[in-house]
């Protein structure tokens, strides 16, 4: 999905998205168009495996990554990662080619839709699979006195995984530079999270002093 207007980058290679509503909406439109293009390619049988989109969550995804200002900040994402990745990297063509299994992809066609690695961006399709990794990265940053934080992005359905709570506990005990982001779309695959998760989502972090 190519932009009609060239995407500009900052000194660290991150897309510049002005805070004006028109610019935010325009970039969100690029994310939506890319997701729709991927679904079209999938319906034509041009993509191997499966592809998870995040249609309807574009502004949430770009806002989280856009808010990270330190070049050392890391983003660890999940199976619905395209918006996070594109806001972090601006590599629209590289993402499409990656998911199509082409050599020109950001991971040379071997990572696919869910397993992307680019600078300080990493994603994994296993629910909560990178939560422990994120805590470990944040712990290493603190020990080494590095700047920047680690943002780990999960969905509300992932709150059923015990590793999330282990991570919250250690992050609180060690006062780590980590941000837990929960994208709450109210459903875990095909099950409404209202029938599987008790209590308020934000109360879980508060219980650990976060």
N, C-alpha and C. Protein backbone atom coordinates (compact mmCIF):
# COMPACT_ATOMS: atom_id res chain seq x y z
N UNK A 1 0.86 -1.18 0.00
CA UNK A 1 0.00 0.00 0.00
C UNK A 1 0.89 1.23 0.00
N UNK A 2 0.90 1.99 -1.07
CA UNK A 2 1.76 3.16 -1.17
C UNK A 2 0.97 4.43 -0.89
N UNK A 3 1.61 5.37 -0.24
CA UNK A 3 0.98 6.66 0.05
C UNK A 3 1.06 7.55 -1.18
N UNK A 4 0.04 8.38 -1.40
CA UNK A 4 0.10 9.36 -2.47
C UNK A 4 1.11 10.45 -2.14
N UNK A 5 1.28 10.72 -0.88
CA UNK A 5 2.27 11.67 -0.41
C UNK A 5 3.43 10.88 0.20
N UNK A 6 4.68 11.30 -0.07
CA UNK A 6 5.81 10.56 0.50
C UNK A 6 5.81 10.62 2.02
N UNK A 7 6.16 9.52 2.64
CA UNK A 7 6.26 9.48 4.10
C UNK A 7 7.62 10.04 4.49
N UNK A 8 7.63 10.97 5.40
CA UNK A 8 8.89 11.54 5.88
C UNK A 8 9.28 10.87 7.19
N UNK A 9 10.58 10.81 7.44
CA UNK A 9 11.11 10.12 8.61
C UNK A 9 11.95 11.07 9.45
N UNK A 10 12.03 10.75 10.75
CA UNK A 10 12.89 11.55 11.61
C UNK A 10 14.33 11.04 11.51
N UNK A 11 15.21 11.61 12.32
CA UNK A 11 16.63 11.26 12.23
C UNK A 11 16.91 9.81 12.61
N UNK A 12 15.95 9.17 13.26
CA UNK A 12 16.14 7.79 13.72
C UNK A 12 15.37 6.79 12.86
N UNK A 13 14.82 7.26 11.73
CA UNK A 13 14.14 6.36 10.81
C UNK A 13 12.72 6.03 11.16
N UNK A 14 12.10 6.84 12.03
CA UNK A 14 10.71 6.61 12.42
C UNK A 14 9.81 7.58 11.65
N UNK A 15 8.66 7.12 11.14
CA UNK A 15 7.78 8.01 10.39
C UNK A 15 7.36 9.23 11.21
N UNK A 16 7.37 10.38 10.56
CA UNK A 16 6.91 11.60 11.20
C UNK A 16 5.41 11.74 10.99
N UNK A 17 4.65 11.72 12.07
CA UNK A 17 3.20 11.86 12.00
C UNK A 17 2.81 13.09 12.81
N UNK A 18 2.59 14.23 12.15
CA UNK A 18 2.20 15.45 12.88
C UNK A 18 0.95 15.21 13.71
N UNK A 19 0.81 15.98 14.77
CA UNK A 19 -0.31 15.80 15.68
C UNK A 19 -1.61 16.41 15.17
N UNK A 20 -1.57 17.07 14.02
CA UNK A 20 -2.80 17.61 13.46
C UNK A 20 -3.76 16.48 13.13
N UNK A 21 -5.05 16.66 13.41
CA UNK A 21 -6.04 15.60 13.15
C UNK A 21 -5.99 15.07 11.72
N UNK A 22 -5.79 15.96 10.74
CA UNK A 22 -5.77 15.51 9.35
C UNK A 22 -4.62 14.55 9.08
N UNK A 23 -3.45 14.83 9.67
CA UNK A 23 -2.29 13.96 9.47
C UNK A 23 -2.49 12.62 10.15
N UNK A 24 -3.03 12.65 11.35
CA UNK A 24 -3.29 11.41 12.08
C UNK A 24 -4.31 10.55 11.33
N UNK A 25 -5.37 11.20 10.85
CA UNK A 25 -6.41 10.48 10.12
C UNK A 25 -5.85 9.91 8.82
N UNK A 26 -4.99 10.68 8.14
CA UNK A 26 -4.42 10.22 6.88
C UNK A 26 -3.55 8.98 7.07
N UNK A 27 -2.71 9.00 8.11
CA UNK A 27 -1.86 7.84 8.36
C UNK A 27 -2.70 6.64 8.79
N UNK A 28 -3.73 6.90 9.59
CA UNK A 28 -4.64 5.82 9.96
C UNK A 28 -5.31 5.23 8.73
N UNK A 29 -5.61 6.07 7.74
CA UNK A 29 -6.19 5.58 6.50
C UNK A 29 -5.22 4.68 5.74
N UNK A 30 -3.94 5.01 5.80
CA UNK A 30 -2.94 4.16 5.17
C UNK A 30 -2.90 2.78 5.84
N UNK A 31 -2.99 2.78 7.16
CA UNK A 31 -3.01 1.50 7.88
C UNK A 31 -4.23 0.68 7.49
N UNK A 32 -5.40 1.33 7.44
CA UNK A 32 -6.62 0.62 7.06
C UNK A 32 -6.51 0.08 5.63
N UNK A 33 -6.01 0.90 4.71
CA UNK A 33 -5.87 0.46 3.33
C UNK A 33 -4.92 -0.72 3.19
N UNK A 34 -3.86 -0.71 3.99
CA UNK A 34 -2.90 -1.82 3.95
C UNK A 34 -3.55 -3.11 4.44
N UNK A 35 -4.29 -3.03 5.52
CA UNK A 35 -4.98 -4.21 6.05
C UNK A 35 -5.98 -4.75 5.03
N UNK A 36 -6.72 -3.87 4.39
CA UNK A 36 -7.70 -4.30 3.39
C UNK A 36 -7.00 -4.92 2.19
N UNK A 37 -5.85 -4.37 1.80
CA UNK A 37 -5.09 -4.95 0.69
C UNK A 37 -4.61 -6.35 1.04
N UNK A 38 -4.18 -6.55 2.28
CA UNK A 38 -3.73 -7.88 2.71
C UNK A 38 -4.87 -8.88 2.70
N UNK A 39 -6.04 -8.46 3.14
CA UNK A 39 -7.20 -9.35 3.10
C UNK A 39 -7.55 -9.72 1.67
N UNK A 40 -7.41 -8.77 0.76
CA UNK A 40 -7.68 -9.04 -0.65
C UNK A 40 -6.67 -10.04 -1.21
N UNK A 41 -5.41 -9.86 -0.88
CA UNK A 41 -4.38 -10.80 -1.33
C UNK A 41 -4.62 -12.19 -0.75
N UNK A 42 -5.05 -12.22 0.51
CA UNK A 42 -5.33 -13.51 1.15
C UNK A 42 -6.48 -14.22 0.45
N UNK A 43 -7.52 -13.47 0.10
CA UNK A 43 -8.69 -14.07 -0.57
C UNK A 43 -8.33 -14.60 -1.95
N UNK A 44 -7.27 -14.06 -2.54
CA UNK A 44 -6.82 -14.53 -3.85
C UNK A 44 -5.84 -15.70 -3.73
N UNK A 45 -5.53 -16.10 -2.51
CA UNK A 45 -4.60 -17.20 -2.31
C UNK A 45 -3.15 -16.82 -2.54
N UNK A 46 -2.85 -15.53 -2.43
CA UNK A 46 -1.49 -15.06 -2.69
C UNK A 46 -0.63 -14.97 -1.43
N UNK A 47 -1.22 -15.27 -0.28
CA UNK A 47 -0.48 -15.25 0.98
C UNK A 47 -0.43 -16.65 1.57
N UNK A 48 0.72 -17.02 2.11
CA UNK A 48 0.84 -18.31 2.76
C UNK A 48 0.43 -18.19 4.23
N UNK A 49 -0.10 -19.27 4.78
CA UNK A 49 -0.50 -19.25 6.17
C UNK A 49 -1.72 -18.38 6.40
N UNK A 50 -1.78 -17.77 7.56
CA UNK A 50 -2.93 -16.92 7.89
C UNK A 50 -2.46 -15.49 8.12
N UNK A 51 -3.40 -14.57 8.13
CA UNK A 51 -3.09 -13.16 8.34
C UNK A 51 -4.13 -12.56 9.27
N UNK A 52 -3.68 -11.97 10.36
CA UNK A 52 -4.58 -11.32 11.31
C UNK A 52 -4.48 -9.81 11.14
N UNK A 53 -5.60 -9.17 10.88
CA UNK A 53 -5.61 -7.72 10.74
C UNK A 53 -6.16 -7.08 12.02
N UNK A 54 -6.03 -5.77 12.09
CA UNK A 54 -6.53 -5.03 13.25
C UNK A 54 -7.43 -3.88 12.77
N UNK A 55 -8.28 -4.18 11.81
CA UNK A 55 -9.19 -3.17 11.29
C UNK A 55 -10.09 -2.66 12.41
N UNK A 56 -10.15 -1.35 12.54
CA UNK A 56 -10.91 -0.73 13.61
C UNK A 56 -10.06 -0.30 14.79
N UNK A 57 -8.80 -0.74 14.80
CA UNK A 57 -7.89 -0.41 15.91
C UNK A 57 -6.72 0.46 15.44
N UNK A 58 -6.84 1.01 14.24
CA UNK A 58 -5.71 1.73 13.65
C UNK A 58 -5.23 2.91 14.51
N UNK A 59 -6.15 3.74 14.94
CA UNK A 59 -5.75 4.93 15.70
C UNK A 59 -5.16 4.56 17.05
N UNK A 60 -5.67 3.50 17.65
CA UNK A 60 -5.11 3.02 18.91
C UNK A 60 -3.67 2.56 18.70
N UNK A 61 -3.45 1.78 17.65
CA UNK A 61 -2.12 1.24 17.40
C UNK A 61 -1.11 2.33 17.10
N UNK A 62 -1.48 3.25 16.23
CA UNK A 62 -0.53 4.29 15.85
C UNK A 62 -0.28 5.26 17.00
N UNK A 63 -1.28 5.49 17.84
CA UNK A 63 -1.12 6.43 18.95
C UNK A 63 -0.11 5.92 19.97
N UNK A 64 -0.15 4.63 20.24
CA UNK A 64 0.79 4.04 21.20
C UNK A 64 2.22 4.19 20.72
N UNK A 65 2.47 3.81 19.48
CA UNK A 65 3.84 3.86 18.95
C UNK A 65 4.27 5.30 18.72
N UNK A 66 3.36 6.13 18.26
CA UNK A 66 3.67 7.55 18.01
C UNK A 66 4.10 8.26 19.29
N UNK A 67 3.58 7.83 20.41
CA UNK A 67 3.89 8.49 21.69
C UNK A 67 5.28 8.18 22.20
N UNK A 68 5.92 7.15 21.67
CA UNK A 68 7.27 6.78 22.12
C UNK A 68 8.28 7.70 21.45
N UNK A 69 9.04 8.43 22.25
CA UNK A 69 9.90 9.48 21.70
C UNK A 69 11.39 9.19 21.74
N UNK A 70 11.80 8.23 22.56
CA UNK A 70 13.23 7.92 22.67
C UNK A 70 13.62 6.93 21.57
N UNK A 71 14.70 7.17 20.84
CA UNK A 71 15.11 6.23 19.78
C UNK A 71 15.43 4.84 20.30
N UNK A 72 15.67 4.71 21.60
CA UNK A 72 15.95 3.40 22.18
C UNK A 72 14.70 2.66 22.62
N UNK A 73 13.54 3.31 22.52
CA UNK A 73 12.30 2.64 22.90
C UNK A 73 12.09 1.38 22.07
N UNK A 74 11.58 0.35 22.71
CA UNK A 74 11.30 -0.91 22.02
C UNK A 74 9.80 -1.17 22.02
N UNK A 75 9.33 -1.80 20.95
CA UNK A 75 7.92 -2.19 20.84
C UNK A 75 7.86 -3.69 20.62
N UNK A 76 7.16 -4.38 21.51
CA UNK A 76 6.94 -5.82 21.37
C UNK A 76 5.45 -6.03 21.17
N UNK A 77 5.12 -6.60 20.03
CA UNK A 77 3.71 -6.68 19.63
C UNK A 77 3.24 -8.13 19.54
N UNK A 78 2.06 -8.29 18.99
CA UNK A 78 1.40 -9.59 18.97
C UNK A 78 1.00 -9.99 17.56
N UNK A 79 0.00 -10.86 17.43
CA UNK A 79 -0.39 -11.34 16.10
C UNK A 79 -1.10 -10.28 15.28
N UNK A 80 -1.69 -9.27 15.92
CA UNK A 80 -2.30 -8.15 15.19
C UNK A 80 -1.33 -6.97 15.25
N UNK A 81 -0.26 -7.10 14.51
CA UNK A 81 0.89 -6.21 14.70
C UNK A 81 1.13 -5.20 13.58
N UNK A 82 0.39 -5.28 12.49
CA UNK A 82 0.73 -4.50 11.31
C UNK A 82 0.74 -2.99 11.58
N UNK A 83 -0.27 -2.50 12.29
CA UNK A 83 -0.33 -1.07 12.59
C UNK A 83 0.82 -0.60 13.46
N UNK A 84 1.17 -1.41 14.44
CA UNK A 84 2.32 -1.07 15.30
C UNK A 84 3.59 -1.01 14.46
N UNK A 85 3.77 -2.02 13.63
CA UNK A 85 4.99 -2.11 12.84
C UNK A 85 5.11 -0.95 11.86
N UNK A 86 4.03 -0.65 11.15
CA UNK A 86 4.09 0.41 10.14
C UNK A 86 4.29 1.78 10.77
N UNK A 87 3.70 2.02 11.93
CA UNK A 87 3.91 3.29 12.62
C UNK A 87 5.34 3.40 13.12
N UNK A 88 5.93 2.27 13.49
CA UNK A 88 7.31 2.25 13.97
C UNK A 88 8.30 2.41 12.82
N UNK A 89 8.02 1.76 11.69
CA UNK A 89 9.02 1.65 10.63
C UNK A 89 8.70 2.42 9.35
N UNK A 90 7.42 2.54 9.02
CA UNK A 90 7.04 3.14 7.74
C UNK A 90 7.31 2.24 6.55
N UNK A 91 7.64 0.97 6.80
CA UNK A 91 8.00 0.04 5.73
C UNK A 91 6.76 -0.67 5.17
N UNK A 92 5.94 0.07 4.44
CA UNK A 92 4.71 -0.50 3.90
C UNK A 92 5.02 -1.59 2.86
N UNK A 93 5.86 -1.28 1.90
CA UNK A 93 6.21 -2.26 0.88
C UNK A 93 6.92 -3.47 1.50
N UNK A 94 7.81 -3.19 2.45
CA UNK A 94 8.53 -4.27 3.09
C UNK A 94 7.62 -5.22 3.83
N UNK A 95 6.54 -4.69 4.43
CA UNK A 95 5.58 -5.55 5.13
C UNK A 95 4.81 -6.42 4.15
N UNK A 96 4.32 -5.81 3.07
CA UNK A 96 3.56 -6.58 2.08
C UNK A 96 4.42 -7.70 1.49
N UNK A 97 5.65 -7.37 1.13
CA UNK A 97 6.52 -8.38 0.54
C UNK A 97 6.87 -9.46 1.56
N UNK A 98 7.00 -9.07 2.82
CA UNK A 98 7.28 -10.06 3.87
C UNK A 98 6.15 -11.07 3.98
N UNK A 99 4.93 -10.58 4.02
CA UNK A 99 3.78 -11.47 4.18
C UNK A 99 3.57 -12.33 2.93
N UNK A 100 4.03 -11.84 1.79
CA UNK A 100 3.95 -12.62 0.56
C UNK A 100 5.11 -13.60 0.43
N UNK A 101 6.02 -13.59 1.42
CA UNK A 101 7.13 -14.53 1.40
C UNK A 101 8.24 -14.17 0.45
N UNK A 102 8.37 -12.90 0.12
CA UNK A 102 9.37 -12.47 -0.85
C UNK A 102 10.67 -12.05 -0.17
N UNK A 103 11.75 -12.16 -0.91
CA UNK A 103 13.07 -11.82 -0.40
C UNK A 103 13.16 -10.35 0.00
N UNK A 104 12.39 -9.50 -0.65
CA UNK A 104 12.42 -8.08 -0.36
C UNK A 104 11.71 -7.69 0.92
N UNK A 105 11.12 -8.65 1.62
CA UNK A 105 10.42 -8.36 2.86
C UNK A 105 11.37 -7.94 3.97
N UNK A 106 10.83 -7.35 5.02
CA UNK A 106 11.67 -6.84 6.11
C UNK A 106 12.44 -7.95 6.81
N UNK A 107 11.94 -9.17 6.75
CA UNK A 107 12.65 -10.33 7.31
C UNK A 107 12.97 -11.33 6.21
N UNK A 108 13.10 -10.82 5.00
CA UNK A 108 13.45 -11.62 3.82
C UNK A 108 12.43 -12.73 3.54
N UNK A 109 11.19 -12.50 3.97
CA UNK A 109 10.12 -13.43 3.64
C UNK A 109 10.00 -14.63 4.55
N UNK A 110 10.77 -14.70 5.62
CA UNK A 110 10.72 -15.88 6.50
C UNK A 110 9.92 -15.64 7.78
N UNK A 111 9.62 -14.39 8.09
CA UNK A 111 8.88 -14.09 9.32
C UNK A 111 7.38 -14.11 9.13
N UNK A 112 6.95 -13.69 7.95
CA UNK A 112 5.52 -13.67 7.68
C UNK A 112 4.80 -12.55 8.41
N UNK A 113 3.50 -12.74 8.57
CA UNK A 113 2.64 -11.71 9.15
C UNK A 113 2.88 -11.49 10.64
N UNK A 114 3.11 -12.56 11.37
CA UNK A 114 3.11 -12.47 12.83
C UNK A 114 4.49 -12.27 13.45
N UNK A 115 5.52 -12.73 12.77
CA UNK A 115 6.85 -12.74 13.39
C UNK A 115 7.77 -11.75 12.68
N UNK A 116 7.66 -10.49 13.09
CA UNK A 116 8.43 -9.42 12.48
C UNK A 116 9.55 -8.97 13.41
N UNK A 117 10.68 -8.65 12.83
CA UNK A 117 11.81 -8.13 13.60
C UNK A 117 12.45 -7.01 12.80
N UNK A 118 12.49 -5.82 13.38
CA UNK A 118 13.05 -4.66 12.68
C UNK A 118 13.54 -3.67 13.74
N UNK A 119 14.85 -3.51 13.82
CA UNK A 119 15.44 -2.65 14.84
C UNK A 119 14.95 -3.08 16.23
N UNK A 120 14.26 -2.18 16.95
CA UNK A 120 13.76 -2.53 18.28
C UNK A 120 12.29 -2.93 18.26
N UNK A 121 11.83 -3.41 17.13
CA UNK A 121 10.45 -3.89 17.03
C UNK A 121 10.47 -5.41 16.85
N UNK A 122 9.67 -6.09 17.66
CA UNK A 122 9.55 -7.55 17.55
C UNK A 122 8.10 -7.95 17.80
N UNK A 123 7.65 -8.96 17.09
CA UNK A 123 6.29 -9.44 17.31
C UNK A 123 6.27 -10.96 17.27
N UNK A 124 5.26 -11.52 17.92
CA UNK A 124 5.13 -12.97 18.03
C UNK A 124 3.66 -13.32 18.09
N UNK A 125 3.28 -14.42 17.45
CA UNK A 125 1.88 -14.80 17.39
C UNK A 125 1.36 -15.52 18.62
N UNK A 126 2.25 -15.93 19.53
CA UNK A 126 1.82 -16.64 20.73
C UNK A 126 1.30 -15.63 21.75
N UNK A 127 0.08 -15.82 22.21
CA UNK A 127 -0.49 -14.88 23.17
C UNK A 127 0.34 -14.80 24.45
N UNK A 128 0.74 -13.61 24.81
CA UNK A 128 1.60 -13.32 25.97
C UNK A 128 3.01 -13.84 25.78
N UNK A 129 3.32 -14.35 24.59
CA UNK A 129 4.62 -14.96 24.36
C UNK A 129 5.80 -14.02 24.57
N UNK A 130 5.60 -12.73 24.33
CA UNK A 130 6.70 -11.78 24.48
C UNK A 130 6.64 -10.99 25.78
N UNK A 131 5.68 -11.31 26.64
CA UNK A 131 5.57 -10.57 27.90
C UNK A 131 6.81 -10.76 28.76
N UNK A 132 7.24 -12.00 28.91
CA UNK A 132 8.45 -12.27 29.68
C UNK A 132 9.68 -11.66 29.04
N UNK A 133 9.73 -11.69 27.71
CA UNK A 133 10.86 -11.08 26.99
C UNK A 133 10.89 -9.58 27.23
N UNK A 134 9.71 -8.95 27.22
CA UNK A 134 9.62 -7.51 27.45
C UNK A 134 10.13 -7.14 28.84
N UNK A 135 9.73 -7.92 29.83
CA UNK A 135 10.19 -7.67 31.20
C UNK A 135 11.71 -7.85 31.28
N UNK A 136 12.22 -8.87 30.61
CA UNK A 136 13.66 -9.09 30.60
C UNK A 136 14.41 -7.95 29.93
N UNK A 137 13.88 -7.45 28.82
CA UNK A 137 14.51 -6.32 28.15
C UNK A 137 14.51 -5.08 29.04
N UNK A 138 13.38 -4.84 29.70
CA UNK A 138 13.28 -3.68 30.59
C UNK A 138 14.25 -3.80 31.76
N UNK A 139 14.39 -5.02 32.29
CA UNK A 139 15.32 -5.26 33.40
C UNK A 139 16.75 -5.00 32.95
N UNK A 140 17.08 -5.45 31.74
CA UNK A 140 18.43 -5.22 31.21
C UNK A 140 18.71 -3.73 31.03
N UNK A 141 17.72 -2.99 30.56
CA UNK A 141 17.89 -1.55 30.39
C UNK A 141 18.18 -0.87 31.72
N UNK A 142 17.45 -1.29 32.74
CA UNK A 142 17.66 -0.69 34.06
C UNK A 142 19.04 -1.02 34.60
N UNK A 143 19.47 -2.27 34.47
CA UNK A 143 20.78 -2.67 34.97
C UNK A 143 21.90 -1.93 34.24
N UNK A 144 21.72 -1.72 32.94
CA UNK A 144 22.77 -1.10 32.12
C UNK A 144 22.65 0.42 32.05
N UNK A 145 21.61 0.97 32.69
CA UNK A 145 21.45 2.42 32.69
C UNK A 145 21.08 2.99 31.34
N UNK A 146 20.41 2.22 30.51
CA UNK A 146 20.02 2.68 29.18
C UNK A 146 18.78 3.56 29.25
N UNK A 147 18.64 4.42 28.25
CA UNK A 147 17.44 5.24 28.14
C UNK A 147 16.36 4.47 27.39
N UNK A 148 15.16 5.03 27.37
CA UNK A 148 14.07 4.40 26.65
C UNK A 148 13.31 3.39 27.49
N UNK A 149 12.14 3.04 26.98
CA UNK A 149 11.30 2.06 27.66
C UNK A 149 10.96 0.92 26.72
N UNK A 150 10.33 -0.10 27.26
CA UNK A 150 9.82 -1.22 26.47
C UNK A 150 8.31 -1.18 26.54
N UNK A 151 7.66 -1.14 25.39
CA UNK A 151 6.20 -1.18 25.33
C UNK A 151 5.78 -2.56 24.86
N UNK A 152 5.04 -3.28 25.69
CA UNK A 152 4.53 -4.60 25.33
C UNK A 152 3.03 -4.46 25.08
N UNK A 153 2.59 -4.85 23.90
CA UNK A 153 1.20 -4.68 23.50
C UNK A 153 0.50 -6.03 23.47
N UNK A 154 -0.59 -6.15 24.23
CA UNK A 154 -1.37 -7.37 24.26
C UNK A 154 -2.84 -7.01 24.03
N UNK A 155 -3.66 -8.04 23.87
CA UNK A 155 -5.10 -7.82 23.75
C UNK A 155 -5.81 -8.23 25.02
N UNK A 156 -7.08 -7.88 25.12
CA UNK A 156 -7.82 -8.22 26.33
C UNK A 156 -7.95 -9.72 26.52
N UNK A 157 -7.98 -10.48 25.43
CA UNK A 157 -8.05 -11.93 25.54
C UNK A 157 -6.81 -12.54 26.17
N UNK A 158 -5.67 -11.85 26.04
CA UNK A 158 -4.42 -12.35 26.59
C UNK A 158 -4.38 -12.28 28.10
N UNK A 159 -5.32 -11.57 28.70
CA UNK A 159 -5.36 -11.47 30.16
C UNK A 159 -5.70 -12.80 30.82
N UNK A 160 -6.00 -13.81 30.03
CA UNK A 160 -6.22 -15.15 30.56
C UNK A 160 -4.93 -15.94 30.70
N UNK A 161 -3.81 -15.34 30.31
CA UNK A 161 -2.51 -16.01 30.39
C UNK A 161 -1.78 -15.61 31.67
N UNK A 162 -1.32 -16.60 32.42
CA UNK A 162 -0.65 -16.34 33.69
C UNK A 162 0.63 -15.55 33.57
N UNK A 163 1.32 -15.68 32.44
CA UNK A 163 2.59 -14.98 32.26
C UNK A 163 2.43 -13.46 32.35
N UNK A 164 1.25 -12.97 31.97
CA UNK A 164 0.99 -11.53 32.06
C UNK A 164 1.13 -11.05 33.50
N UNK A 165 0.58 -11.82 34.43
CA UNK A 165 0.58 -11.40 35.83
C UNK A 165 1.95 -11.57 36.47
N UNK A 166 2.69 -12.56 36.03
CA UNK A 166 4.08 -12.69 36.49
C UNK A 166 4.88 -11.48 36.03
N UNK A 167 4.63 -11.05 34.79
CA UNK A 167 5.33 -9.88 34.27
C UNK A 167 4.96 -8.61 35.01
N UNK A 168 3.66 -8.43 35.28
CA UNK A 168 3.21 -7.26 36.03
C UNK A 168 3.85 -7.22 37.42
N UNK A 169 3.93 -8.38 38.04
CA UNK A 169 4.50 -8.46 39.39
C UNK A 169 5.97 -8.05 39.40
N UNK A 170 6.76 -8.62 38.48
CA UNK A 170 8.18 -8.31 38.43
C UNK A 170 8.42 -6.85 38.03
N UNK A 171 7.59 -6.35 37.11
CA UNK A 171 7.74 -4.96 36.69
C UNK A 171 7.52 -4.01 37.86
N UNK A 172 6.59 -4.37 38.73
CA UNK A 172 6.31 -3.54 39.90
C UNK A 172 7.41 -3.66 40.95
N UNK A 173 7.83 -4.88 41.24
CA UNK A 173 8.85 -5.10 42.27
C UNK A 173 10.16 -4.40 41.90
N UNK A 174 10.54 -4.54 40.63
CA UNK A 174 11.82 -3.99 40.18
C UNK A 174 11.71 -2.58 39.61
N UNK A 175 10.49 -2.02 39.58
CA UNK A 175 10.28 -0.66 39.06
C UNK A 175 10.93 -0.50 37.68
N UNK A 176 10.46 -1.32 36.75
CA UNK A 176 11.07 -1.38 35.43
C UNK A 176 10.51 -0.34 34.47
N UNK A 177 11.32 0.08 33.49
CA UNK A 177 10.86 1.03 32.46
C UNK A 177 10.06 0.30 31.38
N UNK A 178 8.85 -0.10 31.72
CA UNK A 178 8.03 -0.89 30.81
C UNK A 178 6.60 -0.37 30.81
N UNK A 179 5.99 -0.40 29.64
CA UNK A 179 4.60 0.03 29.48
C UNK A 179 3.78 -1.15 28.98
N UNK A 180 2.78 -1.56 29.76
CA UNK A 180 1.86 -2.61 29.34
C UNK A 180 0.67 -1.96 28.66
N UNK A 181 0.44 -2.31 27.41
CA UNK A 181 -0.66 -1.75 26.64
C UNK A 181 -1.67 -2.86 26.35
N UNK A 182 -2.91 -2.65 26.74
CA UNK A 182 -3.97 -3.63 26.48
C UNK A 182 -4.93 -3.04 25.45
N UNK A 183 -4.97 -3.63 24.28
CA UNK A 183 -5.92 -3.21 23.25
C UNK A 183 -7.21 -4.00 23.46
N UNK A 184 -8.19 -3.33 23.98
CA UNK A 184 -9.44 -3.98 24.38
C UNK A 184 -10.48 -3.85 23.28
N UNK A 185 -10.65 -4.92 22.50
CA UNK A 185 -11.69 -4.92 21.47
C UNK A 185 -12.89 -5.78 21.87
N UNK A 186 -12.86 -6.26 23.13
CA UNK A 186 -14.03 -6.96 23.66
C UNK A 186 -14.20 -8.40 23.22
N UNK A 187 -13.20 -8.94 22.51
CA UNK A 187 -13.36 -10.32 22.04
C UNK A 187 -12.00 -11.02 21.98
N UNK A 188 -12.00 -12.28 22.32
CA UNK A 188 -10.80 -13.11 22.24
C UNK A 188 -11.07 -14.19 21.20
N UNK A 189 -10.58 -13.97 20.00
CA UNK A 189 -10.83 -14.83 18.85
C UNK A 189 -12.31 -14.82 18.51
N UNK A 190 -13.11 -15.70 19.07
CA UNK A 190 -14.56 -15.69 18.81
C UNK A 190 -15.37 -15.60 20.09
N UNK A 191 -14.70 -15.41 21.22
CA UNK A 191 -15.38 -15.41 22.51
C UNK A 191 -15.39 -14.01 23.12
N UNK A 192 -16.55 -13.47 23.47
CA UNK A 192 -16.58 -12.17 24.14
C UNK A 192 -15.82 -12.23 25.46
N UNK A 193 -14.91 -11.29 25.68
CA UNK A 193 -14.14 -11.33 26.92
C UNK A 193 -15.00 -11.02 28.14
N UNK A 194 -16.17 -10.48 27.94
CA UNK A 194 -17.07 -10.23 29.07
C UNK A 194 -17.51 -11.53 29.73
N UNK A 195 -17.40 -12.64 28.98
CA UNK A 195 -17.79 -13.94 29.54
C UNK A 195 -16.60 -14.73 30.07
N UNK A 196 -15.39 -14.18 29.92
CA UNK A 196 -14.20 -14.92 30.35
C UNK A 196 -13.31 -14.14 31.32
N UNK A 197 -13.49 -12.83 31.42
CA UNK A 197 -12.63 -12.01 32.27
C UNK A 197 -13.48 -11.29 33.31
N UNK A 198 -13.20 -11.54 34.58
CA UNK A 198 -13.93 -10.88 35.65
C UNK A 198 -13.24 -9.60 36.09
N UNK A 199 -14.02 -8.63 36.51
CA UNK A 199 -13.45 -7.38 37.01
C UNK A 199 -12.98 -6.46 35.90
N UNK A 200 -12.48 -5.30 36.31
CA UNK A 200 -12.02 -4.30 35.35
C UNK A 200 -10.59 -4.57 34.91
N UNK A 201 -10.32 -4.32 33.65
CA UNK A 201 -8.98 -4.56 33.12
C UNK A 201 -7.94 -3.70 33.83
N UNK A 202 -8.25 -2.41 34.00
CA UNK A 202 -7.27 -1.51 34.61
C UNK A 202 -6.98 -1.86 36.07
N UNK A 203 -7.92 -2.56 36.71
CA UNK A 203 -7.72 -2.94 38.11
C UNK A 203 -6.61 -3.97 38.25
N UNK A 204 -6.32 -4.69 37.20
CA UNK A 204 -5.26 -5.70 37.26
C UNK A 204 -3.90 -5.03 37.45
N UNK A 205 -3.66 -3.96 36.71
CA UNK A 205 -2.41 -3.24 36.90
C UNK A 205 -2.33 -2.58 38.26
N UNK A 206 -3.46 -2.01 38.68
CA UNK A 206 -3.50 -1.33 39.99
C UNK A 206 -3.21 -2.29 41.13
N UNK A 207 -3.62 -3.55 40.96
CA UNK A 207 -3.39 -4.54 42.01
C UNK A 207 -1.91 -4.79 42.24
N UNK A 208 -1.11 -4.51 41.22
CA UNK A 208 0.34 -4.69 41.35
C UNK A 208 1.05 -3.36 41.60
N UNK A 209 0.27 -2.31 41.84
CA UNK A 209 0.86 -1.01 42.10
C UNK A 209 1.34 -0.30 40.86
N UNK A 210 0.76 -0.65 39.72
CA UNK A 210 1.14 -0.02 38.46
C UNK A 210 0.04 0.91 37.97
